[in-house]
Protein backbone atom coordinates (compact mmCIF):
# COMPACT_ATOMS: atom_id res chain seq x y z
CA UNK A 1 130.86 47.23 -73.28
CA UNK A 2 128.61 47.77 -76.77
CA UNK A 3 125.06 47.95 -77.04
CA UNK A 4 124.31 48.57 -80.69
CA UNK A 5 126.29 47.82 -84.21
CA UNK A 6 125.43 48.97 -88.08
CA UNK A 7 127.76 47.76 -90.88
CA UNK A 8 127.92 50.60 -93.76
CA UNK A 9 126.39 50.15 -96.84
CA UNK A 10 130.03 49.22 -98.52
CA UNK A 11 131.05 46.65 -95.52
CA UNK A 12 134.05 48.62 -94.80
CA UNK A 13 133.31 50.79 -92.18
CA UNK A 14 131.64 49.39 -88.71
CA UNK A 15 129.29 51.93 -86.42
CA UNK A 16 129.02 50.85 -82.26
CA UNK A 17 127.15 52.13 -79.47
CA UNK A 18 128.61 52.28 -76.56
CA UNK A 19 127.43 52.22 -72.58
CA UNK A 20 130.16 54.43 -71.97
CA UNK A 21 127.82 56.63 -74.03
CA UNK A 22 130.34 56.60 -77.40
CA UNK A 23 129.51 56.36 -80.93
CA UNK A 24 132.20 55.24 -83.46
CA UNK A 25 132.82 54.49 -86.64
CA UNK A 26 135.91 51.81 -87.55
CA UNK A 27 137.52 50.50 -90.92
CA UNK A 28 136.71 46.97 -91.00
CA UNK A 29 138.56 47.03 -94.13
CA UNK A 30 140.42 43.54 -94.99
CA UNK A 31 142.99 43.52 -97.61
CA UNK A 32 142.62 39.60 -97.77
CA UNK A 33 139.18 40.12 -98.39
CA UNK A 34 138.82 43.43 -99.84
CA UNK A 35 140.98 43.33 -102.55
CA UNK A 36 143.87 46.67 -102.75
CA UNK A 37 140.11 48.37 -104.48
CA UNK A 38 140.51 51.46 -102.98
CA UNK A 39 137.09 52.00 -100.90
CA UNK A 40 136.68 55.65 -100.48
CA UNK A 41 133.98 57.64 -98.46
CA UNK A 42 133.51 60.42 -96.74
CA UNK A 43 134.75 59.04 -93.04
CA UNK A 44 137.39 58.08 -94.75
CA UNK A 45 139.60 58.97 -97.72
CA UNK A 46 141.86 55.57 -97.51
CA UNK A 47 141.52 52.06 -96.41
CA UNK A 48 142.35 52.02 -92.74
CA UNK A 49 143.58 48.88 -91.52
CA UNK A 50 140.76 46.79 -89.15
CA UNK A 51 140.37 48.44 -85.89
CA UNK A 52 141.23 51.68 -87.07
CA UNK A 53 139.13 54.09 -85.85
CA UNK A 54 137.95 56.33 -88.21
CA UNK A 55 135.40 58.78 -85.86
CA UNK A 56 134.35 59.48 -82.12
CA UNK A 57 131.35 61.19 -80.80
CA UNK A 58 129.68 62.23 -77.47
CA UNK A 59 126.34 63.72 -76.81
CA UNK A 60 125.88 66.62 -74.59
CA UNK A 61 123.44 64.37 -72.90
CA UNK A 62 125.81 61.69 -70.89
CA UNK A 63 123.35 58.40 -71.79
CA UNK A 64 123.96 55.23 -73.71
CA UNK A 65 123.90 54.37 -77.08
CA UNK A 66 121.10 51.96 -77.58
CA UNK A 67 120.85 51.80 -81.49
CA UNK A 68 123.06 53.03 -84.47
CA UNK A 69 122.37 53.00 -88.21
CA UNK A 70 124.00 54.30 -91.01
CA UNK A 71 121.53 55.87 -93.72
CA UNK A 72 121.36 54.35 -97.20
CA UNK A 73 124.19 56.19 -98.86
CA UNK A 74 126.28 55.63 -96.09
CA UNK A 75 126.76 59.57 -95.51
CA UNK A 76 124.76 59.98 -92.32
CA UNK A 77 125.01 58.45 -89.06
CA UNK A 78 122.14 58.07 -86.51
CA UNK A 79 121.94 57.16 -83.09
CA UNK A 80 119.42 56.93 -80.35
CA UNK A 81 120.46 56.98 -76.41
CA UNK A 82 118.74 56.27 -73.49
CA UNK A 83 118.11 60.00 -72.15
CA UNK A 84 115.16 60.41 -75.30
CA UNK A 85 117.85 61.85 -77.47
CA UNK A 86 118.11 61.02 -80.91
CA UNK A 87 120.80 62.48 -82.70
CA UNK A 88 122.84 62.38 -86.35
CA UNK A 89 126.21 63.38 -87.77
CA UNK A 90 126.41 63.68 -91.37
CA UNK A 91 129.65 62.70 -92.40
CA UNK A 92 129.72 65.50 -95.43
CA UNK A 93 129.46 68.83 -93.05
CA UNK A 94 132.72 70.94 -93.61
CA UNK A 95 132.99 70.87 -89.58
CA UNK A 96 131.70 69.00 -86.58
CA UNK A 97 129.85 71.19 -84.01
CA UNK A 98 126.36 70.57 -81.75
CA UNK A 99 123.12 71.28 -82.67
CA UNK A 100 122.63 73.26 -79.75
CA UNK A 101 123.37 77.04 -78.55
CA UNK A 102 126.40 78.56 -76.62
CA UNK A 103 124.11 77.99 -73.17
CA UNK A 104 123.99 74.04 -73.78
CA UNK A 105 127.75 73.76 -74.81
CA UNK A 106 128.37 74.94 -71.76
CA UNK A 107 126.19 73.42 -69.64
CA UNK A 108 127.60 70.02 -71.68
CA UNK A 109 131.99 71.13 -71.30
CA UNK A 110 130.72 71.37 -66.99
CA UNK A 111 128.71 67.83 -66.81
CA UNK A 112 131.34 66.70 -68.91
CA UNK A 113 134.09 68.10 -66.49
CA UNK A 114 132.49 65.97 -63.72
CA UNK A 115 132.32 62.94 -65.71
CA UNK A 116 136.12 63.19 -66.49
CA UNK A 117 137.35 64.46 -62.62
CA UNK A 118 135.14 61.05 -61.72
CA UNK A 119 137.11 58.64 -64.11
CA UNK A 120 140.67 60.85 -64.17
CA UNK A 121 142.55 58.02 -63.08
CA UNK A 122 141.68 55.62 -66.03
CA UNK A 123 142.17 57.95 -68.36
CA UNK A 124 145.28 59.16 -67.28
CA UNK A 125 146.24 55.86 -67.43
CA UNK A 126 145.04 54.60 -70.67
CA UNK A 127 146.48 55.46 -74.22
CA UNK A 128 143.15 56.81 -75.29
CA UNK A 129 143.79 60.27 -73.04
CA UNK A 130 147.38 61.54 -74.54
CA UNK A 131 144.75 61.35 -77.98
CA UNK A 132 142.31 63.66 -79.45
CA UNK A 133 139.27 62.27 -80.52
CA UNK A 134 138.41 61.76 -84.14
CA UNK A 135 136.21 63.50 -85.67
CA UNK A 136 133.86 63.75 -88.66
CA UNK A 137 131.36 65.91 -90.18
CA UNK A 138 128.62 67.52 -88.08
CA UNK A 139 126.65 66.43 -85.28
CA UNK A 140 122.92 67.53 -84.36
CA UNK A 141 121.17 66.58 -81.57
CA UNK A 142 117.22 66.67 -81.02
CA UNK A 143 115.81 66.26 -76.86
CA UNK A 144 112.01 63.94 -77.19
CA UNK A 145 109.36 64.13 -75.49
CA UNK A 146 108.87 60.72 -75.64
CA UNK A 147 109.95 57.47 -73.40
CA UNK A 148 113.82 56.16 -74.52
CA UNK A 149 114.07 54.93 -78.14
CA UNK A 150 115.25 51.45 -78.54
CA UNK A 151 115.68 50.94 -82.50
CA UNK A 152 116.16 54.12 -85.17
CA UNK A 153 115.53 53.08 -89.12
CA UNK A 154 115.98 55.25 -91.93
CA UNK A 155 113.78 54.91 -94.57
CA UNK A 156 116.25 57.38 -97.02
CA UNK A 157 119.18 59.06 -96.83
CA UNK A 158 116.31 62.16 -94.45
CA UNK A 159 114.07 60.21 -92.95
CA UNK A 160 114.21 58.24 -90.04
CA UNK A 161 111.75 56.24 -88.06
CA UNK A 162 112.12 55.74 -84.62
CA UNK A 163 110.64 53.18 -81.60
CA UNK A 164 110.65 52.41 -78.73
CA UNK A 165 109.07 52.15 -75.29
CA UNK A 166 106.73 54.18 -75.83
CA UNK A 167 105.50 51.55 -78.55
CA UNK A 168 104.72 53.21 -81.34
CA UNK A 169 107.02 54.75 -84.11
CA UNK A 170 108.31 58.34 -85.05
CA UNK A 171 109.25 59.66 -88.21
CA UNK A 172 111.80 62.59 -87.87
CA UNK A 173 113.26 64.50 -91.17
CA UNK A 174 116.31 65.66 -91.72
CA UNK A 175 115.25 69.42 -92.74
CA UNK A 176 116.91 72.07 -95.24
CA UNK A 177 119.56 72.71 -92.41
CA UNK A 178 120.60 69.68 -92.16
CA UNK A 179 119.23 69.66 -88.42
CA UNK A 180 116.52 67.21 -87.08
CA UNK A 181 113.26 67.52 -86.63
CA UNK A 182 110.21 66.47 -86.27
CA UNK A 183 107.88 65.01 -88.65
CA UNK A 184 104.62 63.23 -86.62
CA UNK A 185 103.83 59.97 -85.46
CA UNK A 186 103.19 56.78 -86.88
CA UNK A 187 100.60 55.72 -84.99
CA UNK A 188 97.67 53.60 -85.62
CA UNK A 189 95.08 54.49 -83.19
CA UNK A 190 93.23 51.25 -81.47
CA UNK A 191 89.75 51.40 -82.54
CA UNK A 192 88.78 49.14 -79.96
CA UNK A 193 85.14 50.24 -78.36
CA UNK A 194 84.91 49.31 -74.77
CA UNK A 195 81.02 46.49 -74.30
CA UNK A 196 78.54 48.50 -72.41
CA UNK A 197 78.34 48.06 -69.03
CA UNK A 198 75.02 47.91 -67.06
CA UNK A 199 74.81 49.05 -63.23
CA UNK A 200 75.07 45.20 -62.20
CA UNK A 201 77.65 44.54 -64.00
CA UNK A 202 79.78 47.14 -62.54
CA UNK A 203 78.95 46.82 -59.33
CA UNK A 204 79.52 43.33 -59.22
CA UNK A 205 83.12 44.20 -60.80
CA UNK A 206 83.63 46.28 -57.50
CA UNK A 207 82.56 44.47 -55.61
CA UNK A 208 84.39 40.82 -57.04
CA UNK A 209 87.36 43.26 -57.78
CA UNK A 210 87.27 46.01 -55.50
CA UNK A 211 87.88 48.14 -59.18
CA UNK A 212 85.83 50.09 -61.11
CA UNK A 213 87.46 49.53 -64.56
CA UNK A 214 87.14 47.14 -66.76
CA UNK A 215 89.09 44.25 -68.63
CA UNK A 216 89.71 47.02 -71.83
CA UNK A 217 91.59 49.15 -69.71
CA UNK A 218 94.50 48.17 -69.55
CA UNK A 219 95.65 47.64 -73.12
CA UNK A 220 96.78 50.26 -74.73
CA UNK A 221 95.86 53.19 -77.00
CA UNK A 222 98.43 51.66 -79.20
CA UNK A 223 98.53 49.68 -81.78
CA UNK A 224 102.17 48.22 -80.30
CA UNK A 225 101.62 46.83 -76.72
CA UNK A 226 104.74 46.67 -75.59
CA UNK A 227 107.94 48.39 -76.84
CA UNK A 228 109.41 48.28 -79.69
CA UNK A 229 112.29 47.20 -80.01
CA UNK A 230 113.58 46.38 -83.41
CA UNK A 231 112.62 47.80 -86.76
CA UNK A 232 113.28 46.74 -90.37
CA UNK A 233 111.99 48.67 -93.50
């Protein structure tokens, strides 16, 4: 099942995130509409037929994809998964690697092993089981301490804003080593102050509702009072 899609700036490539924990890049080239002029990119040197799988990525943490987004230049692809992890692939990278230690890679292999064992018959009988998943560039990831992100957007080719169930946007950056790093929380904390409460009013609240909190306590200390489902810039 597809959970998110995003068009490449050249309108010929399409990024797709799914519930199968994978992010894919497909060719959407149609000769009848796009003509014979080559539309080259780091993802593909030639115009592949419509529906051709150009790249496929699976994160080390098994979780479905909530949002995918190409950078303004189209050379980088970012996505967020439901395990509070943000990923980025730079198609200009020399090789495909994880920005993790060997220990993390071993754990990832161990998890993938059981995942494929459970779905052995499905993969064995499918045509994709005999094919090697194409990969382009270098993939990095960053496990965050926040609740899952549901949307992501590029401010430029190096800065990313993600928002989700924490109800505030977070800024990330691609550093000089081409790795993801946390920059800051972009939330504007609410400055609303609760009204003073007299002992009599507090006693009445306790008597009527059996609760010592006032109405202001139900509000979050963030500008957004609900989850961020879409980031726009």
